[in-house]
């Protein structure tokens, strides 16, 4: 069991390998509403910990989502802020941690976000559940610098619960997002370059977690 972070953890952790720093990193939300980090390198021979303060007026809620961004060459961590914004923490070798709060989605966020890199579109994407129970997307691309937002429509279901999960599907060549609906079925959103977003209700009853 690992201990030593400035604050005890709550929610679920998110682990990622940083290929530039060659560091294994694990992030979690502290009981104090800050971002806790455990990291390990062969050079240090042991786990170290640190804590990052949220950039906005609120504290962190839910669970963070960590991802390596090959576009910006940053290690990035995203978390929902208590004011409904999306807090971004990012780091590159030789630099200190930086952070900002992203806003502008049609609905304020609740629950936990999910970040994923889309290698087909070359876009860094972060998804979260809005307080209106719809899927909110923040996305960034070098071709169109600056964060953009959109709210994705759904077909076959009307509302989702917090904590979607995003993944790139190299088989179907889609960017896909899955979320538990409010009727305990699995909703799927999927997208391919040059196409519009599509969605479906997979009609599989799931136990509410």
N, C-alpha and C. Protein backbone atom coordinates (compact mmCIF):
# COMPACT_ATOMS: atom_id res chain seq x y z
N UNK A 1 0.84 -1.19 0.00
CA UNK A 1 0.00 0.00 0.00
C UNK A 1 0.88 1.24 0.00
N UNK A 2 0.57 2.18 -0.90
CA UNK A 2 1.33 3.42 -0.99
C UNK A 2 0.67 4.50 -0.13
N UNK A 3 1.46 5.20 0.62
CA UNK A 3 0.98 6.31 1.44
C UNK A 3 1.96 7.47 1.27
N UNK A 4 1.68 8.56 1.93
CA UNK A 4 2.61 9.68 1.93
C UNK A 4 2.16 10.90 1.17
N UNK A 5 1.03 10.80 0.41
CA UNK A 5 0.53 11.98 -0.28
C UNK A 5 0.05 13.00 0.76
N UNK A 6 0.10 14.29 0.44
CA UNK A 6 -0.34 15.30 1.39
C UNK A 6 -1.77 15.12 1.88
N UNK A 7 -2.63 14.52 1.06
CA UNK A 7 -4.01 14.28 1.46
C UNK A 7 -4.39 12.85 1.11
N UNK A 8 -5.22 12.21 1.94
CA UNK A 8 -5.77 10.89 1.62
C UNK A 8 -6.63 10.99 0.36
N UNK A 9 -6.72 9.88 -0.37
CA UNK A 9 -7.41 9.90 -1.66
C UNK A 9 -8.88 9.54 -1.53
N UNK A 10 -9.65 10.01 -2.50
CA UNK A 10 -11.05 9.64 -2.65
C UNK A 10 -11.32 9.37 -4.12
N UNK A 11 -12.38 8.64 -4.44
CA UNK A 11 -12.68 8.33 -5.83
C UNK A 11 -11.76 7.26 -6.39
N UNK A 12 -11.52 7.30 -7.69
CA UNK A 12 -10.69 6.31 -8.39
C UNK A 12 -9.44 6.97 -8.96
N UNK A 13 -8.29 6.30 -8.90
CA UNK A 13 -7.06 6.88 -9.45
C UNK A 13 -6.98 6.70 -10.97
N UNK A 14 -6.05 7.42 -11.59
CA UNK A 14 -5.78 7.30 -13.02
C UNK A 14 -4.28 7.21 -13.21
N UNK A 15 -3.82 6.15 -13.87
CA UNK A 15 -2.39 5.91 -14.06
C UNK A 15 -2.01 6.10 -15.52
N UNK A 16 -0.78 6.60 -15.75
CA UNK A 16 -0.31 6.83 -17.11
C UNK A 16 1.22 6.78 -17.10
N UNK A 17 1.79 6.36 -18.22
CA UNK A 17 3.24 6.39 -18.40
C UNK A 17 3.60 7.60 -19.23
N UNK A 18 4.59 8.36 -18.77
CA UNK A 18 5.07 9.54 -19.48
C UNK A 18 6.32 9.15 -20.26
N UNK A 19 6.23 9.00 -21.59
CA UNK A 19 7.38 8.52 -22.36
C UNK A 19 8.52 9.54 -22.46
N UNK A 20 8.24 10.82 -22.25
CA UNK A 20 9.30 11.82 -22.32
C UNK A 20 10.11 11.85 -21.03
N UNK A 21 9.42 11.86 -19.91
CA UNK A 21 10.11 11.87 -18.62
C UNK A 21 10.52 10.47 -18.17
N UNK A 22 9.95 9.45 -18.84
CA UNK A 22 10.19 8.04 -18.47
C UNK A 22 9.82 7.81 -17.00
N UNK A 23 8.60 8.25 -16.68
CA UNK A 23 8.09 8.17 -15.32
C UNK A 23 6.71 7.50 -15.34
N UNK A 24 6.48 6.58 -14.40
CA UNK A 24 5.15 6.03 -14.19
C UNK A 24 4.44 6.91 -13.16
N UNK A 25 3.25 7.36 -13.50
CA UNK A 25 2.56 8.34 -12.67
C UNK A 25 1.13 7.89 -12.37
N UNK A 26 0.68 8.15 -11.15
CA UNK A 26 -0.67 7.82 -10.72
C UNK A 26 -1.26 9.05 -10.05
N UNK A 27 -2.48 9.42 -10.45
CA UNK A 27 -3.13 10.62 -9.95
C UNK A 27 -4.44 10.28 -9.27
N UNK A 28 -4.77 11.06 -8.25
CA UNK A 28 -6.03 10.88 -7.56
C UNK A 28 -6.50 12.20 -6.97
N UNK A 29 -7.76 12.25 -6.60
CA UNK A 29 -8.32 13.42 -5.94
C UNK A 29 -8.17 13.28 -4.44
N UNK A 30 -7.62 14.28 -3.79
CA UNK A 30 -7.47 14.24 -2.36
C UNK A 30 -8.74 14.66 -1.64
N UNK A 31 -8.85 14.27 -0.39
CA UNK A 31 -9.99 14.70 0.42
C UNK A 31 -10.01 16.22 0.56
N UNK A 32 -8.87 16.87 0.35
CA UNK A 32 -8.80 18.33 0.44
C UNK A 32 -9.17 19.01 -0.89
N UNK A 33 -9.60 18.21 -1.89
CA UNK A 33 -10.01 18.78 -3.17
C UNK A 33 -8.88 19.18 -4.08
N UNK A 34 -7.67 18.69 -3.81
CA UNK A 34 -6.51 18.97 -4.66
C UNK A 34 -6.08 17.71 -5.41
N UNK A 35 -5.17 17.87 -6.37
CA UNK A 35 -4.70 16.75 -7.18
C UNK A 35 -3.47 16.13 -6.53
N UNK A 36 -3.57 14.84 -6.21
CA UNK A 36 -2.45 14.11 -5.61
C UNK A 36 -1.75 13.28 -6.68
N UNK A 37 -0.41 13.26 -6.64
CA UNK A 37 0.37 12.50 -7.61
C UNK A 37 1.34 11.57 -6.89
N UNK A 38 1.36 10.30 -7.31
CA UNK A 38 2.41 9.36 -6.95
C UNK A 38 3.21 9.09 -8.22
N UNK A 39 4.54 9.14 -8.15
CA UNK A 39 5.34 8.88 -9.35
C UNK A 39 6.57 8.06 -8.99
N UNK A 40 7.01 7.26 -9.98
CA UNK A 40 8.12 6.32 -9.79
C UNK A 40 9.05 6.36 -10.99
N UNK A 41 10.34 6.44 -10.73
CA UNK A 41 11.34 6.34 -11.79
C UNK A 41 12.45 5.41 -11.32
N UNK A 42 13.12 4.73 -12.26
CA UNK A 42 14.25 3.88 -11.86
C UNK A 42 15.34 4.68 -11.15
N UNK A 43 15.50 5.96 -11.52
CA UNK A 43 16.56 6.77 -10.91
C UNK A 43 16.28 7.05 -9.44
N UNK A 44 15.00 7.17 -9.09
CA UNK A 44 14.64 7.50 -7.71
C UNK A 44 14.53 6.28 -6.80
N UNK A 45 14.33 5.09 -7.41
CA UNK A 45 14.21 3.84 -6.65
C UNK A 45 13.19 3.96 -5.52
N UNK A 46 11.99 4.32 -5.88
CA UNK A 46 10.93 4.43 -4.88
C UNK A 46 9.88 5.43 -5.31
N UNK A 47 8.72 5.34 -4.68
CA UNK A 47 7.62 6.24 -5.01
C UNK A 47 7.81 7.58 -4.31
N UNK A 48 7.49 8.64 -5.04
CA UNK A 48 7.47 9.99 -4.49
C UNK A 48 6.05 10.54 -4.66
N UNK A 49 5.72 11.58 -3.91
CA UNK A 49 4.39 12.16 -4.00
C UNK A 49 4.48 13.68 -4.09
N UNK A 50 3.44 14.26 -4.65
CA UNK A 50 3.33 15.71 -4.72
C UNK A 50 1.85 16.07 -4.82
N UNK A 51 1.53 17.34 -4.66
CA UNK A 51 0.14 17.81 -4.70
C UNK A 51 0.06 19.08 -5.52
N UNK A 52 -0.98 19.16 -6.36
CA UNK A 52 -1.20 20.34 -7.19
C UNK A 52 -2.51 21.01 -6.79
N UNK A 53 -2.48 22.33 -6.68
CA UNK A 53 -3.66 23.10 -6.30
C UNK A 53 -4.51 23.42 -7.53
N UNK A 54 -5.82 23.26 -7.47
CA UNK A 54 -6.67 23.58 -8.62
C UNK A 54 -6.53 25.04 -9.05
N UNK A 55 -6.65 25.31 -10.35
CA UNK A 55 -6.44 26.68 -10.85
C UNK A 55 -7.65 27.59 -10.67
N UNK A 56 -8.84 27.00 -10.55
CA UNK A 56 -10.05 27.81 -10.47
C UNK A 56 -10.45 28.15 -9.05
N UNK A 57 -11.62 28.73 -8.90
CA UNK A 57 -12.09 29.11 -7.57
C UNK A 57 -12.58 27.93 -6.74
N UNK A 58 -12.87 26.80 -7.40
CA UNK A 58 -13.41 25.65 -6.70
C UNK A 58 -12.36 24.60 -6.39
N UNK A 59 -12.81 23.48 -5.86
CA UNK A 59 -11.96 22.32 -5.59
C UNK A 59 -12.27 21.22 -6.60
N UNK A 60 -11.46 20.18 -6.61
CA UNK A 60 -11.69 19.06 -7.52
C UNK A 60 -12.75 18.12 -6.96
N UNK A 61 -13.54 17.56 -7.85
CA UNK A 61 -14.54 16.56 -7.47
C UNK A 61 -14.35 15.33 -8.35
N UNK A 62 -14.99 14.24 -7.99
CA UNK A 62 -14.90 13.04 -8.81
C UNK A 62 -13.49 12.50 -8.88
N UNK A 63 -13.16 11.88 -10.01
CA UNK A 63 -11.86 11.25 -10.22
C UNK A 63 -11.18 11.87 -11.44
N UNK A 64 -9.84 12.01 -11.41
CA UNK A 64 -9.13 12.61 -12.54
C UNK A 64 -8.94 11.62 -13.68
N UNK A 65 -8.53 12.14 -14.83
CA UNK A 65 -8.19 11.33 -16.00
C UNK A 65 -6.88 11.84 -16.56
N UNK A 66 -5.86 10.97 -16.60
CA UNK A 66 -4.52 11.35 -17.06
C UNK A 66 -4.27 10.80 -18.46
N UNK A 67 -3.53 11.55 -19.28
CA UNK A 67 -3.26 11.13 -20.65
C UNK A 67 -1.96 11.78 -21.11
N UNK A 68 -1.20 11.07 -21.93
CA UNK A 68 -0.04 11.69 -22.59
C UNK A 68 -0.51 12.29 -23.90
N UNK A 69 -0.19 13.55 -24.12
CA UNK A 69 -0.61 14.29 -25.30
C UNK A 69 0.57 14.40 -26.27
N UNK A 70 0.58 13.62 -27.36
CA UNK A 70 1.71 13.68 -28.30
C UNK A 70 1.70 14.96 -29.14
N UNK A 71 0.59 15.69 -29.14
CA UNK A 71 0.53 16.95 -29.89
C UNK A 71 1.31 18.05 -29.16
N UNK A 72 0.94 18.26 -27.91
CA UNK A 72 1.62 19.28 -27.12
C UNK A 72 2.86 18.77 -26.43
N UNK A 73 3.08 17.44 -26.50
CA UNK A 73 4.19 16.78 -25.81
C UNK A 73 4.16 17.11 -24.31
N UNK A 74 2.96 16.97 -23.77
CA UNK A 74 2.73 17.21 -22.35
C UNK A 74 2.12 15.97 -21.72
N UNK A 75 2.37 15.80 -20.43
CA UNK A 75 1.59 14.88 -19.61
C UNK A 75 0.46 15.72 -19.03
N UNK A 76 -0.78 15.30 -19.25
CA UNK A 76 -1.92 16.12 -18.89
C UNK A 76 -2.89 15.35 -18.00
N UNK A 77 -3.50 16.07 -17.06
CA UNK A 77 -4.48 15.49 -16.15
C UNK A 77 -5.69 16.41 -16.11
N UNK A 78 -6.87 15.81 -16.22
CA UNK A 78 -8.12 16.56 -16.24
C UNK A 78 -9.01 16.12 -15.09
N UNK A 79 -9.72 17.09 -14.50
CA UNK A 79 -10.63 16.78 -13.41
C UNK A 79 -11.77 17.79 -13.40
N UNK A 80 -12.92 17.36 -12.94
CA UNK A 80 -14.08 18.25 -12.82
C UNK A 80 -13.92 19.14 -11.60
N UNK A 81 -14.14 20.43 -11.78
CA UNK A 81 -14.09 21.37 -10.67
C UNK A 81 -15.47 21.48 -10.03
N UNK A 82 -15.48 21.89 -8.77
CA UNK A 82 -16.75 21.99 -8.05
C UNK A 82 -17.67 23.07 -8.62
N UNK A 83 -17.11 24.00 -9.43
CA UNK A 83 -17.94 25.02 -10.06
C UNK A 83 -18.41 24.59 -11.45
N UNK A 84 -18.15 23.32 -11.84
CA UNK A 84 -18.62 22.79 -13.11
C UNK A 84 -17.68 22.99 -14.27
N UNK A 85 -16.52 23.61 -14.04
CA UNK A 85 -15.52 23.76 -15.10
C UNK A 85 -14.66 22.51 -15.21
N UNK A 86 -13.79 22.48 -16.22
CA UNK A 86 -12.86 21.39 -16.42
C UNK A 86 -11.46 21.89 -16.10
N UNK A 87 -10.85 21.36 -15.05
CA UNK A 87 -9.51 21.77 -14.66
C UNK A 87 -8.47 20.92 -15.39
N UNK A 88 -7.50 21.60 -16.00
CA UNK A 88 -6.42 20.95 -16.74
C UNK A 88 -5.09 21.23 -16.03
N UNK A 89 -4.33 20.18 -15.77
CA UNK A 89 -2.97 20.28 -15.26
C UNK A 89 -2.05 19.69 -16.32
N UNK A 90 -0.95 20.37 -16.67
CA UNK A 90 -0.08 19.83 -17.72
C UNK A 90 1.38 20.12 -17.40
N UNK A 91 2.22 19.20 -17.88
CA UNK A 91 3.64 19.20 -17.51
C UNK A 91 4.47 18.70 -18.67
N UNK A 92 5.63 19.30 -18.88
CA UNK A 92 6.61 18.83 -19.86
C UNK A 92 7.98 18.80 -19.18
N UNK A 93 8.87 17.89 -19.60
CA UNK A 93 10.19 17.80 -18.97
C UNK A 93 10.91 19.15 -18.97
N UNK A 94 11.50 19.49 -17.83
CA UNK A 94 12.23 20.73 -17.71
C UNK A 94 11.37 21.92 -17.35
N UNK A 95 10.06 21.69 -17.22
CA UNK A 95 9.16 22.78 -16.86
C UNK A 95 8.41 22.41 -15.58
N UNK A 96 7.86 23.40 -14.94
CA UNK A 96 7.02 23.14 -13.76
C UNK A 96 5.59 22.84 -14.21
N UNK A 97 4.79 22.31 -13.29
CA UNK A 97 3.39 22.07 -13.59
C UNK A 97 2.68 23.40 -13.87
N UNK A 98 1.81 23.38 -14.86
CA UNK A 98 0.94 24.52 -15.15
C UNK A 98 -0.50 24.04 -15.14
N UNK A 99 -1.43 24.96 -14.99
CA UNK A 99 -2.84 24.56 -14.92
C UNK A 99 -3.73 25.69 -15.39
N UNK A 100 -4.94 25.32 -15.78
CA UNK A 100 -5.94 26.30 -16.17
C UNK A 100 -7.32 25.66 -16.03
N UNK A 101 -8.33 26.50 -15.86
CA UNK A 101 -9.69 25.98 -15.83
C UNK A 101 -10.37 26.28 -17.15
N UNK A 102 -10.89 25.23 -17.79
CA UNK A 102 -11.57 25.35 -19.07
C UNK A 102 -13.07 25.46 -18.83
N UNK A 103 -13.70 26.38 -19.53
CA UNK A 103 -15.14 26.55 -19.45
C UNK A 103 -15.68 26.72 -20.86
N UNK A 104 -16.98 26.88 -20.98
CA UNK A 104 -17.58 27.15 -22.28
C UNK A 104 -18.45 26.03 -22.81
N UNK A 105 -18.45 24.86 -22.17
CA UNK A 105 -19.32 23.78 -22.63
C UNK A 105 -20.78 24.21 -22.45
N UNK A 106 -21.68 23.70 -23.29
CA UNK A 106 -23.10 24.07 -23.15
C UNK A 106 -23.68 23.83 -21.76
N UNK A 107 -23.16 22.82 -21.06
CA UNK A 107 -23.62 22.55 -19.70
C UNK A 107 -22.42 22.37 -18.79
N UNK A 108 -22.52 22.87 -17.55
CA UNK A 108 -21.46 22.65 -16.56
C UNK A 108 -21.32 21.16 -16.31
N UNK A 109 -20.10 20.74 -15.93
CA UNK A 109 -19.81 19.32 -15.76
C UNK A 109 -20.14 18.82 -14.36
N UNK A 110 -20.38 17.53 -14.30
CA UNK A 110 -20.53 16.83 -13.03
C UNK A 110 -19.85 15.47 -13.16
N UNK A 111 -19.50 14.85 -12.05
CA UNK A 111 -18.87 13.54 -12.11
C UNK A 111 -17.41 13.61 -12.51
N UNK A 112 -16.95 12.63 -13.28
CA UNK A 112 -15.53 12.49 -13.63
C UNK A 112 -15.35 12.52 -15.15
N UNK A 113 -14.34 13.24 -15.66
CA UNK A 113 -14.11 13.29 -17.10
C UNK A 113 -13.29 12.08 -17.59
N UNK A 114 -13.19 11.96 -18.91
CA UNK A 114 -12.35 10.94 -19.53
C UNK A 114 -11.61 11.57 -20.70
N UNK A 115 -10.27 11.50 -20.67
CA UNK A 115 -9.44 12.11 -21.71
C UNK A 115 -8.86 11.02 -22.60
N UNK A 116 -8.76 11.31 -23.90
CA UNK A 116 -8.20 10.35 -24.85
C UNK A 116 -7.64 11.10 -26.05
N UNK A 117 -6.57 10.58 -26.61
CA UNK A 117 -6.00 11.13 -27.85
C UNK A 117 -6.56 10.37 -29.03
N UNK A 118 -7.00 11.11 -30.04
CA UNK A 118 -7.54 10.52 -31.26
C UNK A 118 -6.46 10.58 -32.34
N UNK A 119 -5.76 9.47 -32.64
CA UNK A 119 -4.66 9.52 -33.61
C UNK A 119 -5.12 9.69 -35.05
N UNK A 120 -6.38 9.38 -35.34
CA UNK A 120 -6.88 9.54 -36.71
C UNK A 120 -7.14 11.02 -37.02
N UNK A 121 -7.79 11.71 -36.10
CA UNK A 121 -8.08 13.13 -36.30
C UNK A 121 -6.96 14.02 -35.77
N UNK A 122 -6.01 13.41 -35.00
CA UNK A 122 -4.93 14.17 -34.35
C UNK A 122 -5.51 15.27 -33.46
N UNK A 123 -6.37 14.83 -32.56
CA UNK A 123 -7.08 15.74 -31.65
C UNK A 123 -6.99 15.17 -30.24
N UNK A 124 -6.75 16.04 -29.26
CA UNK A 124 -6.82 15.67 -27.86
C UNK A 124 -8.23 15.98 -27.39
N UNK A 125 -8.92 14.99 -26.83
CA UNK A 125 -10.34 15.13 -26.51
C UNK A 125 -10.60 14.76 -25.04
N UNK A 126 -11.49 15.51 -24.41
CA UNK A 126 -11.91 15.24 -23.04
C UNK A 126 -13.43 15.26 -22.99
N UNK A 127 -14.01 14.23 -22.40
CA UNK A 127 -15.46 14.09 -22.33
C UNK A 127 -15.93 14.09 -20.88
N UNK A 128 -17.09 14.67 -20.66
CA UNK A 128 -17.68 14.67 -19.34
C UNK A 128 -19.19 14.72 -19.44
N UNK A 129 -19.86 14.39 -18.36
CA UNK A 129 -21.32 14.46 -18.31
C UNK A 129 -21.73 15.84 -17.82
N UNK A 130 -22.62 16.48 -18.57
CA UNK A 130 -23.12 17.78 -18.17
C UNK A 130 -24.20 17.65 -17.10
N UNK A 131 -24.46 18.72 -16.42
CA UNK A 131 -25.53 18.71 -15.42
C UNK A 131 -26.89 18.53 -16.08
N UNK A 132 -26.95 18.72 -17.41
CA UNK A 132 -28.18 18.43 -18.15
C UNK A 132 -28.25 16.98 -18.60
N UNK A 133 -27.29 16.14 -18.12
CA UNK A 133 -27.25 14.69 -18.40
C UNK A 133 -26.94 14.38 -19.86
N UNK A 134 -26.26 15.30 -20.55
CA UNK A 134 -25.80 15.06 -21.91
C UNK A 134 -24.28 15.00 -21.93
N UNK A 135 -23.71 14.51 -23.06
CA UNK A 135 -22.26 14.33 -23.17
C UNK A 135 -21.61 15.62 -23.68
N UNK A 136 -20.69 16.16 -22.87
CA UNK A 136 -19.97 17.37 -23.24
C UNK A 136 -18.56 16.99 -23.72
N UNK A 137 -18.09 17.67 -24.75
CA UNK A 137 -16.75 17.40 -25.29
C UNK A 137 -15.93 18.69 -25.32
N UNK A 138 -14.70 18.60 -24.80
CA UNK A 138 -13.68 19.63 -24.99
C UNK A 138 -12.63 19.02 -25.92
N UNK A 139 -12.18 19.76 -26.94
CA UNK A 139 -11.18 19.21 -27.86
C UNK A 139 -10.20 20.28 -28.30
N UNK A 140 -8.97 19.82 -28.58
CA UNK A 140 -7.87 20.71 -28.95
C UNK A 140 -7.08 20.09 -30.08
N UNK A 141 -6.76 20.92 -31.09
CA UNK A 141 -5.96 20.46 -32.22
C UNK A 141 -5.00 21.56 -32.65
N UNK A 142 -3.78 21.21 -33.08
CA UNK A 142 -2.83 22.24 -33.54
C UNK A 142 -3.35 23.03 -34.73
N UNK A 143 -4.19 22.40 -35.57
CA UNK A 143 -4.70 23.08 -36.75
C UNK A 143 -5.66 24.21 -36.39
N UNK A 144 -6.26 24.11 -35.21
CA UNK A 144 -7.23 25.10 -34.76
C UNK A 144 -6.95 25.39 -33.30
N UNK A 145 -5.82 26.06 -32.98
CA UNK A 145 -5.36 26.19 -31.59
C UNK A 145 -6.43 26.81 -30.68
N UNK A 146 -6.44 26.33 -29.48
CA UNK A 146 -7.44 26.78 -28.51
C UNK A 146 -8.47 25.70 -28.28
N UNK A 147 -8.97 25.64 -27.08
CA UNK A 147 -9.97 24.63 -26.74
C UNK A 147 -11.33 24.99 -27.32
N UNK A 148 -11.99 24.01 -27.89
CA UNK A 148 -13.36 24.13 -28.40
C UNK A 148 -14.26 23.18 -27.63
N UNK A 149 -15.54 23.45 -27.65
CA UNK A 149 -16.49 22.59 -26.93
C UNK A 149 -17.69 22.29 -27.80
N UNK A 150 -18.34 21.19 -27.48
CA UNK A 150 -19.60 20.84 -28.14
C UNK A 150 -20.37 19.91 -27.22
N UNK A 151 -21.65 19.80 -27.48
CA UNK A 151 -22.50 18.85 -26.75
C UNK A 151 -23.03 17.86 -27.75
N UNK A 152 -22.85 16.57 -27.47
CA UNK A 152 -23.17 15.53 -28.44
C UNK A 152 -24.60 15.03 -28.28
N UNK A 153 -25.34 14.96 -29.39
CA UNK A 153 -26.70 14.43 -29.33
C UNK A 153 -26.68 12.91 -29.17
N UNK A 154 -27.75 12.36 -28.70
CA UNK A 154 -27.84 10.91 -28.54
C UNK A 154 -29.08 10.39 -29.23
N UNK A 155 -29.00 9.14 -29.67
CA UNK A 155 -30.12 8.47 -30.33
C UNK A 155 -30.39 7.15 -29.60
N UNK A 156 -31.61 6.94 -29.20
CA UNK A 156 -31.95 5.69 -28.51
C UNK A 156 -31.89 5.81 -27.00
N UNK A 157 -31.41 6.91 -26.50
CA UNK A 157 -31.42 7.18 -25.06
C UNK A 157 -31.37 8.69 -24.88
N UNK A 158 -31.88 9.15 -23.76
CA UNK A 158 -32.02 10.60 -23.60
C UNK A 158 -31.08 11.20 -22.57
N UNK A 159 -30.57 10.39 -21.65
CA UNK A 159 -29.77 10.96 -20.57
C UNK A 159 -28.71 9.96 -20.12
N UNK A 160 -27.57 10.48 -19.69
CA UNK A 160 -26.49 9.62 -19.19
C UNK A 160 -26.12 10.04 -17.78
N UNK A 161 -25.51 9.11 -17.08
CA UNK A 161 -25.03 9.37 -15.73
C UNK A 161 -23.58 9.86 -15.79
N UNK A 162 -23.06 10.39 -14.68
CA UNK A 162 -21.67 10.87 -14.70
C UNK A 162 -20.65 9.77 -15.01
N UNK A 163 -19.46 10.20 -15.43
CA UNK A 163 -18.29 9.34 -15.65
C UNK A 163 -18.36 8.53 -16.94
N UNK A 164 -18.32 9.19 -18.12
CA UNK A 164 -18.17 8.46 -19.39
C UNK A 164 -16.75 7.93 -19.52
N UNK A 165 -16.55 7.06 -20.53
CA UNK A 165 -15.21 6.52 -20.78
C UNK A 165 -14.93 6.61 -22.27
N UNK A 166 -13.81 7.26 -22.64
CA UNK A 166 -13.43 7.46 -24.03
C UNK A 166 -12.28 6.56 -24.41
N UNK A 167 -12.29 6.07 -25.66
CA UNK A 167 -11.24 5.17 -26.13
C UNK A 167 -11.14 5.28 -27.65
N UNK A 168 -9.93 5.13 -28.18
CA UNK A 168 -9.75 5.04 -29.62
C UNK A 168 -9.83 3.58 -30.03
N UNK A 169 -10.65 3.28 -31.03
CA UNK A 169 -10.84 1.92 -31.52
C UNK A 169 -10.08 1.75 -32.83
N UNK A 170 -8.89 1.12 -32.81
CA UNK A 170 -8.12 0.97 -34.04
C UNK A 170 -8.72 -0.05 -35.00
N UNK A 171 -9.62 -0.90 -34.51
CA UNK A 171 -10.26 -1.90 -35.38
C UNK A 171 -11.34 -1.23 -36.24
N UNK A 172 -12.27 -0.54 -35.58
CA UNK A 172 -13.32 0.14 -36.32
C UNK A 172 -12.91 1.50 -36.84
N UNK A 173 -11.69 1.94 -36.45
CA UNK A 173 -11.18 3.26 -36.82
C UNK A 173 -12.15 4.36 -36.40
N UNK A 174 -12.58 4.25 -35.14
CA UNK A 174 -13.49 5.23 -34.55
C UNK A 174 -12.90 5.77 -33.26
N UNK A 175 -13.30 6.97 -32.90
CA UNK A 175 -13.17 7.45 -31.54
C UNK A 175 -14.51 7.15 -30.86
N UNK A 176 -14.48 6.49 -29.73
CA UNK A 176 -15.71 6.01 -29.11
C UNK A 176 -15.79 6.46 -27.65
N UNK A 177 -17.01 6.74 -27.22
CA UNK A 177 -17.28 7.12 -25.83
C UNK A 177 -18.46 6.29 -25.34
N UNK A 178 -18.30 5.72 -24.15
CA UNK A 178 -19.35 4.89 -23.56
C UNK A 178 -19.81 5.52 -22.25
N UNK A 179 -21.11 5.43 -22.00
CA UNK A 179 -21.66 5.99 -20.77
C UNK A 179 -22.87 5.17 -20.34
N UNK A 180 -23.03 5.06 -19.04
CA UNK A 180 -24.20 4.40 -18.48
C UNK A 180 -25.38 5.37 -18.59
N UNK A 181 -26.50 4.89 -19.15
CA UNK A 181 -27.67 5.75 -19.26
C UNK A 181 -28.44 5.75 -17.95
N UNK A 182 -29.39 6.66 -17.85
CA UNK A 182 -30.19 6.74 -16.62
C UNK A 182 -31.18 5.59 -16.50
N UNK A 183 -31.30 4.78 -17.56
CA UNK A 183 -32.14 3.57 -17.48
C UNK A 183 -31.28 2.31 -17.36
N UNK A 184 -30.00 2.49 -16.99
CA UNK A 184 -29.07 1.38 -16.73
C UNK A 184 -28.75 0.55 -17.95
N UNK A 185 -28.75 1.17 -19.13
CA UNK A 185 -28.24 0.53 -20.34
C UNK A 185 -26.93 1.22 -20.72
N UNK A 186 -26.26 0.67 -21.72
CA UNK A 186 -24.99 1.23 -22.14
C UNK A 186 -25.17 2.05 -23.41
N UNK A 187 -24.87 3.34 -23.31
CA UNK A 187 -24.93 4.21 -24.47
C UNK A 187 -23.57 4.34 -25.12
N UNK A 188 -23.54 4.29 -26.45
CA UNK A 188 -22.29 4.40 -27.21
C UNK A 188 -22.37 5.58 -28.16
N UNK A 189 -21.32 6.40 -28.16
CA UNK A 189 -21.13 7.45 -29.14
C UNK A 189 -19.89 7.10 -29.96
N UNK A 190 -19.92 7.29 -31.28
CA UNK A 190 -18.74 6.97 -32.07
C UNK A 190 -18.62 7.92 -33.27
N UNK A 191 -17.36 8.12 -33.66
CA UNK A 191 -17.04 9.12 -34.66
C UNK A 191 -15.83 8.68 -35.47
N UNK A 192 -15.82 8.99 -36.76
CA UNK A 192 -14.66 8.76 -37.63
C UNK A 192 -14.42 10.04 -38.42
N UNK A 193 -13.16 10.33 -38.77
CA UNK A 193 -12.87 11.55 -39.53
C UNK A 193 -13.73 11.67 -40.79
N UNK A 194 -14.29 12.85 -41.00
CA UNK A 194 -15.12 13.08 -42.17
C UNK A 194 -16.57 12.69 -41.98
N UNK A 195 -16.91 12.15 -40.81
CA UNK A 195 -18.28 11.74 -40.52
C UNK A 195 -18.80 12.50 -39.31
N UNK A 196 -20.10 12.51 -39.16
CA UNK A 196 -20.69 13.13 -37.98
C UNK A 196 -20.75 12.10 -36.85
N UNK A 197 -20.94 12.59 -35.64
CA UNK A 197 -21.09 11.69 -34.49
C UNK A 197 -22.37 10.87 -34.65
N UNK A 198 -22.28 9.61 -34.26
CA UNK A 198 -23.43 8.72 -34.21
C UNK A 198 -23.52 8.13 -32.80
N UNK A 199 -24.70 7.64 -32.45
CA UNK A 199 -24.86 7.03 -31.13
C UNK A 199 -25.90 5.92 -31.20
N UNK A 200 -25.84 5.05 -30.21
CA UNK A 200 -26.82 3.97 -30.12
C UNK A 200 -26.91 3.51 -28.68
N UNK A 201 -28.07 2.93 -28.36
CA UNK A 201 -28.28 2.30 -27.08
C UNK A 201 -28.01 0.82 -27.25
N UNK A 202 -27.03 0.30 -26.54
CA UNK A 202 -26.65 -1.10 -26.71
C UNK A 202 -27.61 -2.06 -26.03
N UNK A 203 -28.59 -1.50 -25.30
CA UNK A 203 -29.71 -2.30 -24.76
C UNK A 203 -29.28 -3.42 -23.82
N UNK A 204 -28.13 -3.26 -23.20
CA UNK A 204 -27.67 -4.24 -22.23
C UNK A 204 -27.91 -3.68 -20.84
N UNK A 205 -28.76 -4.32 -20.08
CA UNK A 205 -29.03 -3.85 -18.73
C UNK A 205 -27.79 -4.03 -17.87
N UNK A 206 -27.41 -2.98 -17.18
CA UNK A 206 -26.23 -3.01 -16.34
C UNK A 206 -26.60 -2.66 -14.91
N UNK A 207 -25.87 -3.23 -13.99
CA UNK A 207 -26.05 -2.85 -12.60
C UNK A 207 -25.49 -1.45 -12.40
N UNK A 208 -26.24 -0.59 -11.78
CA UNK A 208 -25.75 0.76 -11.51
C UNK A 208 -24.63 0.69 -10.49
N UNK A 209 -23.48 1.29 -10.86
CA UNK A 209 -22.31 1.21 -10.00
C UNK A 209 -22.36 2.26 -8.91
